[in-house]
Amino acid sequence: KSHRWQEKPEFQTQLRVLIKKYRHKITALLLGHDHLATLVHFDDLPAVVSGATHNQRNDKPVKNVQDGVNVQTAWYFPTGPYWVRLELTARPPTSRVHFINATNDQISCTATLAKGARALLDQNCFDKIN
């Protein structure tokens, strides 16, 4: 079954208020169980979706405005099993996410995350994915 964010509008509305209030403290949203491997920006907030190792969804990249929020796909892989590895380092404090193809354990896309900023994609995100 396909799930849309509109299924629980009260939850979404309340969560958006908290996210907006504390955006300056948030590096990224890490999401799972969506049967999709993608990195989406909600305005400047990166949302990393991992959960595409079983019954992958066949979605398409998005670029639109939803309830006053610019929603744009930064990286997306439409088919195949993927998972995400989060990498944290203390010096300098950085966060990186690696989208890993579960069939060959190869990294297909790496993004650097910084508090209060859009994700920065490495060159491998733009290379052809096998």
Protein backbone atom coordinates (compact mmCIF):
# COMPACT_ATOMS: atom_id res chain seq x y z
CA LYS A 1 0.00 0.00 0.00
CA SER A 2 1.27 3.45 -0.88
CA HIS A 3 1.28 6.01 1.93
CA ARG A 4 1.02 9.75 1.49
CA TRP A 5 1.84 12.39 4.07
CA GLN A 6 -1.78 13.60 3.86
CA GLU A 7 -2.95 10.42 5.66
CA LYS A 8 -2.31 12.01 9.04
CA PRO A 9 -2.67 15.76 8.56
CA GLU A 10 -2.95 16.59 12.28
CA PHE A 11 0.33 14.83 13.03
CA GLN A 12 2.03 16.44 10.03
CA THR A 13 0.79 19.91 10.95
CA GLN A 14 1.98 19.64 14.56
CA LEU A 15 5.33 18.18 13.53
CA ARG A 16 5.93 20.96 11.00
CA VAL A 17 5.42 23.59 13.71
CA LEU A 18 8.11 21.94 15.87
CA ILE A 19 10.51 21.51 12.96
CA LYS A 20 10.13 25.15 11.95
CA LYS A 21 10.61 26.34 15.55
CA TYR A 22 13.83 24.32 16.03
CA ARG A 23 15.14 24.36 12.44
CA HIS A 24 18.33 26.15 13.53
CA LYS A 25 19.18 23.09 15.66
CA ILE A 26 18.28 20.41 13.11
CA THR A 27 20.85 18.95 10.72
CA ALA A 28 18.50 16.64 8.80
CA LEU A 29 15.47 14.43 9.07
CA LEU A 30 16.26 10.71 8.88
CA LEU A 31 13.27 8.71 7.71
CA GLY A 32 12.67 5.05 7.04
CA HIS A 33 9.95 2.57 6.15
CA ASP A 34 9.08 4.40 2.97
CA HIS A 35 10.32 1.78 0.48
CA LEU A 36 12.33 4.46 -1.27
CA ALA A 37 15.94 5.68 -1.39
CA THR A 38 16.08 9.45 -1.74
CA LEU A 39 17.29 12.75 -0.39
CA VAL A 40 14.70 15.51 -0.50
CA HIS A 41 14.92 19.13 0.65
CA PHE A 42 12.02 20.79 2.43
CA ASP A 43 13.10 24.38 1.85
CA ASP A 44 16.69 24.06 3.15
CA LEU A 45 16.06 21.05 5.43
CA PRO A 46 17.42 17.75 4.07
CA ALA A 47 15.29 14.65 4.54
CA VAL A 48 17.10 11.36 4.04
CA VAL A 49 14.78 8.46 3.26
CA SER A 50 16.13 4.96 3.77
CA GLY A 51 13.98 1.92 3.64
CA ALA A 52 14.19 0.61 0.09
CA THR A 53 15.39 -2.90 0.76
CA HIS A 54 12.01 -4.57 0.25
CA ASN A 55 9.07 -3.76 -2.06
CA GLN A 56 10.61 -0.59 -3.48
CA ARG A 57 8.21 2.18 -4.47
CA ASN A 58 8.28 3.43 -8.03
CA ASP A 59 8.10 7.18 -7.42
CA LYS A 60 9.54 10.07 -9.37
CA PRO A 61 11.65 13.04 -8.26
CA VAL A 62 9.62 16.05 -7.11
CA LYS A 63 9.97 19.79 -7.41
CA ASN A 64 6.93 21.69 -6.16
CA VAL A 65 5.48 23.72 -3.31
CA GLN A 66 3.43 21.92 -0.67
CA ASP A 67 1.66 24.03 1.94
CA GLY A 68 4.13 26.88 1.42
CA VAL A 69 7.22 24.62 1.60
CA ASN A 70 9.50 24.17 -1.41
CA VAL A 71 9.95 20.41 -1.86
CA GLN A 72 12.73 19.28 -4.18
CA THR A 73 14.44 15.95 -4.74
CA ALA A 74 18.22 16.25 -4.49
CA TRP A 75 19.00 12.57 -5.16
CA TYR A 76 16.78 9.65 -6.03
CA PHE A 77 17.11 6.08 -7.21
CA PRO A 78 13.86 4.64 -8.53
CA THR A 79 14.56 0.90 -8.42
CA GLY A 80 16.60 -1.63 -6.54
CA PRO A 81 17.26 -2.24 -2.87
CA TYR A 82 19.12 0.55 -1.06
CA TRP A 83 20.02 1.34 2.50
CA VAL A 84 21.70 4.34 4.13
CA ARG A 85 24.78 4.46 6.34
CA LEU A 86 25.13 7.51 8.60
CA GLU A 87 28.70 8.60 9.34
CA LEU A 88 29.48 11.02 12.16
CA THR A 89 32.89 12.48 12.96
CA ALA A 90 33.86 14.58 15.95
CA ARG A 91 36.67 16.66 14.41
CA PRO A 92 35.49 18.62 12.55
CA PRO A 93 31.91 17.85 13.45
CA THR A 94 30.34 16.56 10.26
CA SER A 95 27.59 14.21 9.23
CA ARG A 96 27.58 12.25 6.01
CA VAL A 97 25.08 9.83 4.57
CA HIS A 98 25.97 7.14 2.09
CA PHE A 99 23.23 5.59 -0.07
CA ILE A 100 24.38 2.01 -0.57
CA ASN A 101 23.16 -0.34 -3.27
CA ALA A 102 22.19 -3.47 -1.36
CA THR A 103 22.79 -5.77 -4.32
CA ASN A 104 26.52 -4.99 -4.57
CA ASP A 105 27.25 -3.03 -1.34
CA GLN A 106 28.61 -0.13 -3.38
CA ILE A 107 28.04 3.51 -2.41
CA SER A 108 25.98 5.24 -5.08
CA CYS A 109 25.64 8.66 -3.48
CA THR A 110 27.26 10.47 -0.57
CA ALA A 111 25.91 13.68 0.93
CA THR A 112 27.39 15.95 3.60
CA LEU A 113 24.96 17.36 6.14
CA ALA A 114 25.41 20.54 8.15
CA LYS A 115 23.10 22.11 10.69
CA GLY A 116 20.82 24.72 9.13
CA ALA A 117 21.90 24.05 5.52
CA ARG A 118 20.98 22.06 2.46
CA ALA A 119 22.82 18.78 1.90
CA LEU A 120 25.90 18.91 -0.32
CA LEU A 121 26.05 16.04 -2.80
CA ASP A 122 29.36 14.45 -3.75
CA GLN A 123 30.22 13.83 -7.41
CA ASN A 124 29.24 10.15 -7.10
CA CYS A 125 25.60 11.24 -6.83
CA PHE A 126 25.76 12.56 -10.35
CA ASP A 127 27.61 9.61 -11.88
CA LYS A 128 25.64 6.93 -13.70
CA ILE A 129 24.27 4.38 -11.26
CA ASN A 130 24.71 0.75 -12.31
